[in-house]
Structure formats: structure tokens, C-alpha cells
Amino acid sequence: VASGSIFSFNTMGWYRQAVGKERELVAVVTSDRTKLYADSVK
């Protein structure tokens, strides 16, 4: 849940970071509900 912004959010989603690895995209969704997934979680 997001709070405190006077502007709306275009995109919200999730990234993850495993030990010893870089942060990577998991899934995001835009304001028009377009969704994007990492291949590993589709």
C-alpha cells in the first residue's frame, strides 16, 4: 500500500533481490492495467 503522494502512480509492481544477486523485476502493472512479468515467473 502506498501513501503520502499527492500524485497518482503510473506503475506499481515488485522486484526481488536474492543473496549475491542484483535486484530484478518480477512483475509490474501500469495505471491502465497492462501487466509485465519476468519470464521466470510467468
PDB file of all heavy atoms in Angstrom:
ATOM      1  N   VAL A   1       0.854  -1.187   0.000  1.00  0.00           N
ATOM      2  CA  VAL A   1       0.000   0.000   0.000  1.00  0.00           C
ATOM      3  C   VAL A   1       0.888   1.235   0.000  1.00  0.00           C
ATOM      4  O   VAL A   1       1.872   1.311   0.728  1.00  0.00           O
ATOM      5  CB  VAL A   1      -0.962  -0.004   1.205  1.00  0.00           C
ATOM      6  CG1 VAL A   1      -0.215  -0.073   2.514  1.00  0.00           C
ATOM      7  CG2 VAL A   1      -1.878   1.195   1.161  1.00  0.00           C
ATOM      8  N   ALA A   2       0.522   2.177  -0.841  1.00  0.00           N
ATOM      9  CA  ALA A   2       1.266   3.434  -0.948  1.00  0.00           C
ATOM     10  C   ALA A   2       0.471   4.559  -0.296  1.00  0.00           C
ATOM     11  O   ALA A   2      -0.757   4.575  -0.352  1.00  0.00           O
ATOM     12  CB  ALA A   2       1.522   3.761  -2.413  1.00  0.00           C
ATOM     13  N   SER A   3       1.188   5.478   0.307  1.00  0.00           N
ATOM     14  CA  SER A   3       0.523   6.616   0.937  1.00  0.00           C
ATOM     15  C   SER A   3       1.418   7.845   0.864  1.00  0.00           C
ATOM     16  O   SER A   3       2.614   7.735   0.628  1.00  0.00           O
ATOM     17  CB  SER A   3       0.189   6.306   2.398  1.00  0.00           C
ATOM     18  OG  SER A   3       1.379   6.084   3.137  1.00  0.00           O
ATOM     19  N   GLY A   4       0.798   8.994   1.036  1.00  0.00           N
ATOM     20  CA  GLY A   4       1.553  10.230   1.156  1.00  0.00           C
ATOM     21  C   GLY A   4       1.851  10.955  -0.136  1.00  0.00           C
ATOM     22  O   GLY A   4       2.472  12.014  -0.125  1.00  0.00           O
ATOM     23  N   SER A   5       1.399  10.424  -1.270  1.00  0.00           N
ATOM     24  CA  SER A   5       1.699  11.093  -2.532  1.00  0.00           C
ATOM     25  C   SER A   5       0.510  11.942  -2.975  1.00  0.00           C
ATOM     26  O   SER A   5      -0.625  11.484  -2.927  1.00  0.00           O
ATOM     27  CB  SER A   5       2.019  10.075  -3.618  1.00  0.00           C
ATOM     28  OG  SER A   5       2.234  10.724  -4.857  1.00  0.00           O
ATOM     29  N   ILE A   6       0.813  13.130  -3.434  1.00  0.00           N
ATOM     30  CA  ILE A   6      -0.258  13.967  -3.992  1.00  0.00           C
ATOM     31  C   ILE A   6      -0.438  13.682  -5.469  1.00  0.00           C
ATOM     32  O   ILE A   6      -1.375  14.165  -6.093  1.00  0.00           O
ATOM     33  CB  ILE A   6       0.024  15.463  -3.769  1.00  0.00           C
ATOM     34  CG1 ILE A   6       1.309  15.900  -4.479  1.00  0.00           C
ATOM     35  CG2 ILE A   6       0.090  15.773  -2.284  1.00  0.00           C
ATOM     36  CD1 ILE A   6       1.534  17.407  -4.424  1.00  0.00           C
ATOM     37  N   PHE A   7       0.473  12.880  -6.032  1.00  0.00           N
ATOM     38  CA  PHE A   7       0.358  12.463  -7.423  1.00  0.00           C
ATOM     39  C   PHE A   7      -0.024  10.989  -7.463  1.00  0.00           C
ATOM     40  O   PHE A   7       0.283  10.222  -6.562  1.00  0.00           O
ATOM     41  CB  PHE A   7       1.694  12.666  -8.142  1.00  0.00           C
ATOM     42  CG  PHE A   7       2.202  14.073  -8.111  1.00  0.00           C
ATOM     43  CD1 PHE A   7       3.264  14.431  -7.295  1.00  0.00           C
ATOM     44  CD2 PHE A   7       1.609  15.052  -8.887  1.00  0.00           C
ATOM     45  CE1 PHE A   7       3.731  15.728  -7.254  1.00  0.00           C
ATOM     46  CE2 PHE A   7       2.065  16.360  -8.863  1.00  0.00           C
ATOM     47  CZ  PHE A   7       3.127  16.699  -8.042  1.00  0.00           C
ATOM     48  N   SER A   8      -0.680  10.598  -8.499  1.00  0.00           N
ATOM     49  CA  SER A   8      -1.016   9.187  -8.655  1.00  0.00           C
ATOM     50  C   SER A   8       0.209   8.430  -9.179  1.00  0.00           C
ATOM     51  O   SER A   8       1.204   9.033  -9.579  1.00  0.00           O
ATOM     52  CB  SER A   8      -2.204   9.022  -9.595  1.00  0.00           C
ATOM     53  OG  SER A   8      -1.910   9.569 -10.854  1.00  0.00           O
ATOM     54  N   PHE A   9       0.112   7.131  -9.185  1.00  0.00           N
ATOM     55  CA  PHE A   9       1.219   6.288  -9.624  1.00  0.00           C
ATOM     56  C   PHE A   9       0.912   5.688 -10.993  1.00  0.00           C
ATOM     57  O   PHE A   9      -0.126   5.062 -11.191  1.00  0.00           O
ATOM     58  CB  PHE A   9       1.477   5.177  -8.619  1.00  0.00           C
ATOM     59  CG  PHE A   9       1.943   5.683  -7.283  1.00  0.00           C
ATOM     60  CD1 PHE A   9       1.079   5.697  -6.203  1.00  0.00           C
ATOM     61  CD2 PHE A   9       3.223   6.168  -7.117  1.00  0.00           C
ATOM     62  CE1 PHE A   9       1.487   6.163  -4.974  1.00  0.00           C
ATOM     63  CE2 PHE A   9       3.652   6.652  -5.888  1.00  0.00           C
ATOM     64  CZ  PHE A   9       2.779   6.650  -4.814  1.00  0.00           C
ATOM     65  N   ASN A  10       1.847   5.881 -11.921  1.00  0.00           N
ATOM     66  CA  ASN A  10       1.691   5.262 -13.224  1.00  0.00           C
ATOM     67  C   ASN A  10       1.873   3.760 -13.141  1.00  0.00           C
ATOM     68  O   ASN A  10       1.064   2.981 -13.629  1.00  0.00           O
ATOM     69  CB  ASN A  10       2.706   5.834 -14.218  1.00  0.00           C
ATOM     70  CG  ASN A  10       2.259   7.155 -14.795  1.00  0.00           C
ATOM     71  OD1 ASN A  10       1.077   7.452 -14.870  1.00  0.00           O
ATOM     72  ND2 ASN A  10       3.209   7.957 -15.212  1.00  0.00           N
ATOM     73  N   THR A  11       2.959   3.358 -12.524  1.00  0.00           N
ATOM     74  CA  THR A  11       3.336   1.954 -12.478  1.00  0.00           C
ATOM     75  C   THR A  11       3.575   1.522 -11.038  1.00  0.00           C
ATOM     76  O   THR A  11       4.199   2.251 -10.267  1.00  0.00           O
ATOM     77  CB  THR A  11       4.618   1.705 -13.287  1.00  0.00           C
ATOM     78  OG1 THR A  11       4.412   2.122 -14.641  1.00  0.00           O
ATOM     79  CG2 THR A  11       5.012   0.234 -13.268  1.00  0.00           C
ATOM     80  N   MET A  12       3.071   0.353 -10.701  1.00  0.00           N
ATOM     81  CA  MET A  12       3.378  -0.267  -9.410  1.00  0.00           C
ATOM     82  C   MET A  12       3.759  -1.708  -9.663  1.00  0.00           C
ATOM     83  O   MET A  12       3.314  -2.316 -10.653  1.00  0.00           O
ATOM     84  CB  MET A  12       2.178  -0.197  -8.464  1.00  0.00           C
ATOM     85  CG  MET A  12       1.781   1.205  -8.073  1.00  0.00           C
ATOM     86  SD  MET A  12       0.516   1.242  -6.780  1.00  0.00           S
ATOM     87  CE  MET A  12       1.487   0.765  -5.340  1.00  0.00           C
ATOM     88  N   GLY A  13       4.580  -2.247  -8.800  1.00  0.00           N
ATOM     89  CA  GLY A  13       4.960  -3.632  -9.014  1.00  0.00           C
ATOM     90  C   GLY A  13       5.948  -4.147  -7.997  1.00  0.00           C
ATOM     91  O   GLY A  13       6.083  -3.592  -6.901  1.00  0.00           O
ATOM     92  N   TRP A  14       6.643  -5.190  -8.406  1.00  0.00           N
ATOM     93  CA  TRP A  14       7.532  -5.916  -7.500  1.00  0.00           C
ATOM     94  C   TRP A  14       8.861  -6.244  -8.173  1.00  0.00           C
ATOM     95  O   TRP A  14       8.892  -6.661  -9.342  1.00  0.00           O
ATOM     96  CB  TRP A  14       6.861  -7.224  -7.058  1.00  0.00           C
ATOM     97  CG  TRP A  14       5.590  -6.995  -6.312  1.00  0.00           C
ATOM     98  CD1 TRP A  14       4.330  -6.890  -6.838  1.00  0.00           C
ATOM     99  CD2 TRP A  14       5.447  -6.811  -4.901  1.00  0.00           C
ATOM    100  NE1 TRP A  14       3.414  -6.657  -5.837  1.00  0.00           N
ATOM    101  CE2 TRP A  14       4.070  -6.609  -4.646  1.00  0.00           C
ATOM    102  CE3 TRP A  14       6.337  -6.820  -3.830  1.00  0.00           C
ATOM    103  CZ2 TRP A  14       3.580  -6.405  -3.357  1.00  0.00           C
ATOM    104  CZ3 TRP A  14       5.841  -6.610  -2.551  1.00  0.00           C
ATOM    105  CH2 TRP A  14       4.488  -6.412  -2.326  1.00  0.00           C
ATOM    106  N   TYR A  15       9.915  -6.053  -7.413  1.00  0.00           N
ATOM    107  CA  TYR A  15      11.242  -6.523  -7.759  1.00  0.00           C
ATOM    108  C   TYR A  15      11.679  -7.476  -6.657  1.00  0.00           C
ATOM    109  O   TYR A  15      11.087  -7.503  -5.576  1.00  0.00           O
ATOM    110  CB  TYR A  15      12.228  -5.357  -7.851  1.00  0.00           C
ATOM    111  CG  TYR A  15      12.153  -4.568  -9.134  1.00  0.00           C
ATOM    112  CD1 TYR A  15      11.021  -3.832  -9.476  1.00  0.00           C
ATOM    113  CD2 TYR A  15      13.235  -4.528 -10.014  1.00  0.00           C
ATOM    114  CE1 TYR A  15      10.956  -3.108 -10.651  1.00  0.00           C
ATOM    115  CE2 TYR A  15      13.192  -3.790 -11.189  1.00  0.00           C
ATOM    116  CZ  TYR A  15      12.050  -3.078 -11.504  1.00  0.00           C
ATOM    117  OH  TYR A  15      11.994  -2.356 -12.665  1.00  0.00           O
ATOM    118  N   ARG A  16      12.723  -8.216  -6.911  1.00  0.00           N
ATOM    119  CA  ARG A  16      13.278  -9.076  -5.862  1.00  0.00           C
ATOM    120  C   ARG A  16      14.796  -9.105  -5.956  1.00  0.00           C
ATOM    121  O   ARG A  16      15.370  -8.859  -7.016  1.00  0.00           O
ATOM    122  CB  ARG A  16      12.720 -10.498  -5.965  1.00  0.00           C
ATOM    123  CG  ARG A  16      13.157 -11.282  -7.198  1.00  0.00           C
ATOM    124  CD  ARG A  16      12.420 -12.613  -7.270  1.00  0.00           C
ATOM    125  NE  ARG A  16      12.817 -13.389  -8.434  1.00  0.00           N
ATOM    126  CZ  ARG A  16      12.236 -14.533  -8.804  1.00  0.00           C
ATOM    127  NH1 ARG A  16      11.226 -15.026  -8.098  1.00  0.00           N
ATOM    128  NH2 ARG A  16      12.667 -15.171  -9.874  1.00  0.00           N
ATOM    129  N   GLN A  17      15.406  -9.413  -4.820  1.00  0.00           N
ATOM    130  CA  GLN A  17      16.865  -9.496  -4.774  1.00  0.00           C
ATOM    131  C   GLN A  17      17.255 -10.683  -3.909  1.00  0.00           C
ATOM    132  O   GLN A  17      16.956 -10.709  -2.701  1.00  0.00           O
ATOM    133  CB  GLN A  17      17.470  -8.210  -4.227  1.00  0.00           C
ATOM    134  CG  GLN A  17      18.977  -8.176  -4.310  1.00  0.00           C
ATOM    135  CD  GLN A  17      19.546  -6.797  -4.062  1.00  0.00           C
ATOM    136  OE1 GLN A  17      18.898  -5.911  -3.509  1.00  0.00           O
ATOM    137  NE2 GLN A  17      20.776  -6.587  -4.501  1.00  0.00           N
ATOM    138  N   ALA A  18      17.899 -11.641  -4.524  1.00  0.00           N
ATOM    139  CA  ALA A  18      18.425 -12.803  -3.809  1.00  0.00           C
ATOM    140  C   ALA A  18      19.838 -12.498  -3.325  1.00  0.00           C
ATOM    141  O   ALA A  18      20.508 -11.592  -3.843  1.00  0.00           O
ATOM    142  CB  ALA A  18      18.421 -14.021  -4.722  1.00  0.00           C
ATOM    143  N   VAL A  19      20.289 -13.254  -2.373  1.00  0.00           N
ATOM    144  CA  VAL A  19      21.629 -13.039  -1.818  1.00  0.00           C
ATOM    145  C   VAL A  19      22.669 -13.198  -2.913  1.00  0.00           C
ATOM    146  O   VAL A  19      22.668 -14.193  -3.654  1.00  0.00           O
ATOM    147  CB  VAL A  19      21.890 -14.031  -0.668  1.00  0.00           C
ATOM    148  CG1 VAL A  19      23.328 -13.919  -0.190  1.00  0.00           C
ATOM    149  CG2 VAL A  19      20.920 -13.781   0.481  1.00  0.00           C
ATOM    150  N   GLY A  20      23.525 -12.202  -3.033  1.00  0.00           N
ATOM    151  CA  GLY A  20      24.600 -12.261  -4.004  1.00  0.00           C
ATOM    152  C   GLY A  20      24.204 -11.928  -5.426  1.00  0.00           C
ATOM    153  O   GLY A  20      25.020 -12.050  -6.336  1.00  0.00           O
ATOM    154  N   LYS A  21      22.951 -11.518  -5.612  1.00  0.00           N
ATOM    155  CA  LYS A  21      22.466 -11.198  -6.963  1.00  0.00           C
ATOM    156  C   LYS A  21      21.943  -9.766  -7.015  1.00  0.00           C
ATOM    157  O   LYS A  21      21.662  -9.157  -5.987  1.00  0.00           O
ATOM    158  CB  LYS A  21      21.372 -12.178  -7.377  1.00  0.00           C
ATOM    159  CG  LYS A  21      21.857 -13.611  -7.511  1.00  0.00           C
ATOM    160  CD  LYS A  21      20.792 -14.491  -8.116  1.00  0.00           C
ATOM    161  CE  LYS A  21      21.302 -15.908  -8.334  1.00  0.00           C
ATOM    162  NZ  LYS A  21      20.263 -16.778  -8.956  1.00  0.00           N
ATOM    163  N   GLU A  22      21.790  -9.271  -8.228  1.00  0.00           N
ATOM    164  CA  GLU A  22      21.239  -7.933  -8.421  1.00  0.00           C
ATOM    165  C   GLU A  22      19.711  -7.966  -8.294  1.00  0.00           C
ATOM    166  O   GLU A  22      19.078  -8.999  -8.505  1.00  0.00           O
ATOM    167  CB  GLU A  22      21.644  -7.391  -9.793  1.00  0.00           C
ATOM    168  CG  GLU A  22      23.136  -7.147  -9.936  1.00  0.00           C
ATOM    169  CD  GLU A  22      23.482  -6.442 -11.246  1.00  0.00           C
ATOM    170  OE1 GLU A  22      22.580  -6.263 -12.080  1.00  0.00           O
ATOM    171  OE2 GLU A  22      24.651  -6.081 -11.419  1.00  0.00           O
ATOM    172  N   ARG A  23      19.175  -6.814  -7.976  1.00  0.00           N
ATOM    173  CA  ARG A  23      17.720  -6.694  -7.916  1.00  0.00           C
ATOM    174  C   ARG A  23      17.144  -6.867  -9.322  1.00  0.00           C
ATOM    175  O   ARG A  23      17.680  -6.306 -10.291  1.00  0.00           O
ATOM    176  CB  ARG A  23      17.336  -5.336  -7.343  1.00  0.00           C
ATOM    177  CG  ARG A  23      15.872  -5.206  -6.976  1.00  0.00           C
ATOM    178  CD  ARG A  23      15.588  -3.904  -6.228  1.00  0.00           C
ATOM    179  NE  ARG A  23      16.269  -3.863  -4.943  1.00  0.00           N
ATOM    180  CZ  ARG A  23      16.045  -2.930  -4.019  1.00  0.00           C
ATOM    181  NH1 ARG A  23      15.146  -1.976  -4.241  1.00  0.00           N
ATOM    182  NH2 ARG A  23      16.701  -2.938  -2.871  1.00  0.00           N
ATOM    183  N   GLU A  24      16.058  -7.636  -9.426  1.00  0.00           N
ATOM    184  CA  GLU A  24      15.472  -7.917 -10.738  1.00  0.00           C
ATOM    185  C   GLU A  24      13.965  -7.712 -10.702  1.00  0.00           C
ATOM    186  O   GLU A  24      13.313  -7.883  -9.669  1.00  0.00           O
ATOM    187  CB  GLU A  24      15.765  -9.357 -11.169  1.00  0.00           C
ATOM    188  CG  GLU A  24      15.183 -10.422 -10.268  1.00  0.00           C
ATOM    189  CD  GLU A  24      15.432 -11.833 -10.770  1.00  0.00           C
ATOM    190  OE1 GLU A  24      16.140 -12.000 -11.781  1.00  0.00           O
ATOM    191  OE2 GLU A  24      14.917 -12.782 -10.141  1.00  0.00           O
ATOM    192  N   LEU A  25      13.433  -7.363 -11.863  1.00  0.00           N
ATOM    193  CA  LEU A  25      11.992  -7.178 -11.989  1.00  0.00           C
ATOM    194  C   LEU A  25      11.284  -8.522 -11.859  1.00  0.00           C
ATOM    195  O   LEU A  25      11.729  -9.530 -12.423  1.00  0.00           O
ATOM    196  CB  LEU A  25      11.680  -6.536 -13.340  1.00  0.00           C
ATOM    197  CG  LEU A  25      10.213  -6.267 -13.657  1.00  0.00           C
ATOM    198  CD1 LEU A  25      10.079  -4.974 -14.471  1.00  0.00           C
ATOM    199  CD2 LEU A  25       9.562  -7.413 -14.423  1.00  0.00           C
ATOM    200  N   VAL A  26      10.173  -8.512 -11.133  1.00  0.00           N
ATOM    201  CA  VAL A  26       9.321  -9.694 -11.032  1.00  0.00           C
ATOM    202  C   VAL A  26       8.047  -9.466 -11.851  1.00  0.00           C
ATOM    203  O   VAL A  26       7.725 -10.240 -12.743  1.00  0.00           O
ATOM    204  CB  VAL A  26       8.951  -9.998  -9.573  1.00  0.00           C
ATOM    205  CG1 VAL A  26       7.998 -11.194  -9.503  1.00  0.00           C
ATOM    206  CG2 VAL A  26      10.200 -10.265  -8.747  1.00  0.00           C
ATOM    207  N   ALA A  27       7.332  -8.413 -11.523  1.00  0.00           N
ATOM    208  CA  ALA A  27       6.094  -8.090 -12.234  1.00  0.00           C
ATOM    209  C   ALA A  27       5.715  -6.645 -11.950  1.00  0.00           C
ATOM    210  O   ALA A  27       5.937  -6.155 -10.841  1.00  0.00           O
ATOM    211  CB  ALA A  27       4.954  -9.013 -11.792  1.00  0.00           C
ATOM    212  N   VAL A  28       5.171  -5.967 -12.960  1.00  0.00           N
ATOM    213  CA  VAL A  28       4.671  -4.607 -12.785  1.00  0.00           C
ATOM    214  C   VAL A  28       3.321  -4.485 -13.482  1.00  0.00           C
ATOM    215  O   VAL A  28       3.015  -5.248 -14.403  1.00  0.00           O
ATOM    216  CB  VAL A  28       5.645  -3.544 -13.328  1.00  0.00           C
ATOM    217  CG1 VAL A  28       6.922  -3.503 -12.513  1.00  0.00           C
ATOM    218  CG2 VAL A  28       5.938  -3.774 -14.796  1.00  0.00           C
ATOM    219  N   VAL A  29       2.543  -3.501 -13.029  1.00  0.00           N
ATOM    220  CA  VAL A  29       1.248  -3.225 -13.647  1.00  0.00           C
ATOM    221  C   VAL A  29       1.106  -1.711 -13.766  1.00  0.00           C
ATOM    222  O   VAL A  29       1.432  -0.967 -12.841  1.00  0.00           O
ATOM    223  CB  VAL A  29       0.086  -3.843 -12.835  1.00  0.00           C
ATOM    224  CG1 VAL A  29       0.112  -3.394 -11.375  1.00  0.00           C
ATOM    225  CG2 VAL A  29      -1.260  -3.536 -13.462  1.00  0.00           C
ATOM    226  N   THR A  30       0.641  -1.263 -14.928  1.00  0.00           N
ATOM    227  CA  THR A  30       0.507   0.165 -15.170  1.00  0.00           C
ATOM    228  C   THR A  30      -0.884   0.654 -14.759  1.00  0.00           C
ATOM    229  O   THR A  30      -1.753  -0.133 -14.379  1.00  0.00           O
ATOM    230  CB  THR A  30       0.741   0.482 -16.650  1.00  0.00           C
ATOM    231  OG1 THR A  30      -0.296  -0.160 -17.412  1.00  0.00           O
ATOM    232  CG2 THR A  30       2.095  -0.028 -17.108  1.00  0.00           C
ATOM    233  N   SER A  31      -1.071   1.958 -14.877  1.00  0.00           N
ATOM    234  CA  SER A  31      -2.356   2.550 -14.489  1.00  0.00           C
ATOM    235  C   SER A  31      -3.491   2.069 -15.386  1.00  0.00           C
ATOM    236  O   SER A  31      -4.644   2.075 -14.960  1.00  0.00           O
ATOM    237  CB  SER A  31      -2.267   4.072 -14.509  1.00  0.00           C
ATOM    238  OG  SER A  31      -1.827   4.516 -15.773  1.00  0.00           O
ATOM    239  N   ASP A  32      -3.179   1.658 -16.627  1.00  0.00           N
ATOM    240  CA  ASP A  32      -4.232   1.117 -17.496  1.00  0.00           C
ATOM    241  C   ASP A  32      -4.313  -0.402 -17.390  1.00  0.00           C
ATOM    242  O   ASP A  32      -4.919  -1.067 -18.226  1.00  0.00           O
ATOM    243  CB  ASP A  32      -4.031   1.550 -18.948  1.00  0.00           C
ATOM    244  CG  ASP A  32      -2.761   0.967 -19.566  1.00  0.00           C
ATOM    245  OD1 ASP A  32      -2.020   0.250 -18.862  1.00  0.00           O
ATOM    246  OD2 ASP A  32      -2.511   1.241 -20.748  1.00  0.00           O
ATOM    247  N   ARG A  33      -3.632  -0.947 -16.358  1.00  0.00           N
ATOM    248  CA  ARG A  33      -3.698  -2.377 -16.004  1.00  0.00           C
ATOM    249  C   ARG A  33      -2.939  -3.263 -16.991  1.00  0.00           C
ATOM    250  O   ARG A  33      -3.187  -4.466 -17.042  1.00  0.00           O
ATOM    251  CB  ARG A  33      -5.139  -2.843 -15.829  1.00  0.00           C
ATOM    252  CG  ARG A  33      -5.915  -2.091 -14.749  1.00  0.00           C
ATOM    253  CD  ARG A  33      -5.224  -2.096 -13.419  1.00  0.00           C
ATOM    254  NE  ARG A  33      -6.046  -1.541 -12.339  1.00  0.00           N
ATOM    255  CZ  ARG A  33      -5.937  -0.300 -11.872  1.00  0.00           C
ATOM    256  NH1 ARG A  33      -5.059   0.535 -12.406  1.00  0.00           N
ATOM    257  NH2 ARG A  33      -6.713   0.110 -10.882  1.00  0.00           N
ATOM    258  N   THR A  34      -2.029  -2.688 -17.762  1.00  0.00           N
ATOM    259  CA  THR A  34      -1.116  -3.509 -18.551  1.00  0.00           C
ATOM    260  C   THR A  34      -0.129  -4.179 -17.598  1.00  0.00           C
ATOM    261  O   THR A  34       0.412  -3.526 -16.699  1.00  0.00           O
ATOM    262  CB  THR A  34      -0.352  -2.660 -19.571  1.00  0.00           C
ATOM    263  OG1 THR A  34      -1.288  -2.041 -20.451  1.00  0.00           O
ATOM    264  CG2 THR A  34       0.613  -3.513 -20.361  1.00  0.00           C
ATOM    265  N   LYS A  35       0.121  -5.482 -17.796  1.00  0.00           N
ATOM    266  CA  LYS A  35       0.978  -6.239 -16.883  1.00  0.00           C
ATOM    267  C   LYS A  35       2.201  -6.780 -17.609  1.00  0.00           C
ATOM    268  O   LYS A  35       2.127  -7.189 -18.767  1.00  0.00           O
ATOM    269  CB  LYS A  35       0.179  -7.390 -16.270  1.00  0.00           C
ATOM    270  CG  LYS A  35      -1.031  -6.915 -15.480  1.00  0.00           C
ATOM    271  CD  LYS A  35      -1.870  -8.074 -14.978  1.00  0.00           C
ATOM    272  CE  LYS A  35      -3.101  -7.560 -14.241  1.00  0.00           C
ATOM    273  NZ  LYS A  35      -3.956  -8.668 -13.740  1.00  0.00           N
ATOM    274  N   LEU A  36       3.308  -6.789 -16.885  1.00  0.00           N
ATOM    275  CA  LEU A  36       4.558  -7.315 -17.420  1.00  0.00           C
ATOM    276  C   LEU A  36       5.151  -8.244 -16.377  1.00  0.00           C
ATOM    277  O   LEU A  36       5.234  -7.883 -15.204  1.00  0.00           O
ATOM    278  CB  LEU A  36       5.531  -6.167 -17.717  1.00  0.00           C
ATOM    279  CG  LEU A  36       6.946  -6.552 -18.141  1.00  0.00           C
ATOM    280  CD1 LEU A  36       6.922  -7.212 -19.508  1.00  0.00           C
ATOM    281  CD2 LEU A  36       7.847  -5.328 -18.160  1.00  0.00           C
ATOM    282  N   TYR A  37       5.571  -9.437 -16.816  1.00  0.00           N
ATOM    283  CA  TYR A  37       6.146 -10.432 -15.920  1.00  0.00           C
ATOM    284  C   TYR A  37       7.540 -10.840 -16.379  1.00  0.00           C
ATOM    285  O   TYR A  37       7.811 -10.915 -17.577  1.00  0.00           O
ATOM    286  CB  TYR A  37       5.275 -11.691 -15.881  1.00  0.00           C
ATOM    287  CG  TYR A  37       3.905 -11.512 -15.280  1.00  0.00           C
ATOM    288  CD1 TYR A  37       2.801 -11.256 -16.092  1.00  0.00           C
ATOM    289  CD2 TYR A  37       3.705 -11.609 -13.908  1.00  0.00           C
ATOM    290  CE1 TYR A  37       1.540 -11.101 -15.552  1.00  0.00           C
ATOM    291  CE2 TYR A  37       2.445 -11.457 -13.355  1.00  0.00           C
ATOM    292  CZ  TYR A  37       1.367 -11.206 -14.182  1.00  0.00           C
ATOM    293  OH  TYR A  37       0.114 -11.050 -13.633  1.00  0.00           O
ATOM    294  N   ALA A  38       8.384 -11.176 -15.429  1.00  0.00           N
ATOM    295  CA  ALA A  38       9.649 -11.824 -15.752  1.00  0.00           C
ATOM    296  C   ALA A  38       9.340 -13.209 -16.294  1.00  0.00           C
ATOM    297  O   ALA A  38       8.391 -13.865 -15.849  1.00  0.00           O
ATOM    298  CB  ALA A  38      10.526 -11.921 -14.517  1.00  0.00           C
ATOM    299  N   ASP A  39      10.148 -13.677 -17.235  1.00  0.00           N
ATOM    300  CA  ASP A  39       9.910 -14.995 -17.816  1.00  0.00           C
ATOM    301  C   ASP A  39       9.909 -16.088 -16.746  1.00  0.00           C
ATOM    302  O   ASP A  39       9.160 -17.066 -16.856  1.00  0.00           O
ATOM    303  CB  ASP A  39      10.979 -15.307 -18.861  1.00  0.00           C
ATOM    304  CG  ASP A  39      10.802 -14.501 -20.136  1.00  0.00           C
ATOM    305  OD1 ASP A  39       9.700 -13.951 -20.347  1.00  0.00           O
ATOM    306  OD2 ASP A  39      11.770 -14.410 -20.910  1.00  0.00           O
ATOM    307  N   SER A  40      10.715 -15.911 -15.728  1.00  0.00           N
ATOM    308  CA  SER A  40      10.874 -16.952 -14.716  1.00  0.00           C
ATOM    309  C   SER A  40       9.628 -17.145 -13.845  1.00  0.00           C
ATOM    310  O   SER A  40       9.508 -18.160 -13.159  1.00  0.00           O
ATOM    311  CB  SER A  40      12.067 -16.632 -13.820  1.00  0.00           C
ATOM    312  OG  SER A  40      11.880 -15.384 -13.187  1.00  0.00           O
ATOM    313  N   VAL A  41       8.699 -16.180 -13.877  1.00  0.00           N
ATOM    314  CA  VAL A  41       7.511 -16.291 -13.019  1.00  0.00           C
ATOM    315  C   VAL A  41       6.210 -16.376 -13.814  1.00  0.00           C
ATOM    316  O   VAL A  41       5.141 -16.559 -13.224  1.00  0.00           O
ATOM    317  CB  VAL A  41       7.425 -15.116 -12.017  1.00  0.00           C
ATOM    318  CG1 VAL A  41       8.724 -14.988 -11.234  1.00  0.00           C
ATOM    319  CG2 VAL A  41       7.073 -13.812 -12.702  1.00  0.00           C
ATOM    320  N   LYS A  42       6.284 -16.258 -15.121  1.00  0.00           N
ATOM    321  CA  LYS A  42       5.071 -16.330 -15.946  1.00  0.00           C
ATOM    322  C   LYS A  42       4.340 -17.644 -15.714  1.00  0.00           C
ATOM    323  O   LYS A  42       4.952 -18.710 -15.678  1.00  0.00           O
ATOM    324  CB  LYS A  42       5.433 -16.192 -17.427  1.00  0.00           C
ATOM    325  CG  LYS A  42       5.732 -14.775 -17.862  1.00  0.00           C
ATOM    326  CD  LYS A  42       6.079 -14.726 -19.345  1.00  0.00           C
ATOM    327  CE  LYS A  42       6.414 -13.305 -19.774  1.00  0.00           C
ATOM    328  NZ  LYS A  42       6.843 -13.250 -21.193  1.00  0.00           N
TER     329      LYS A  42
END
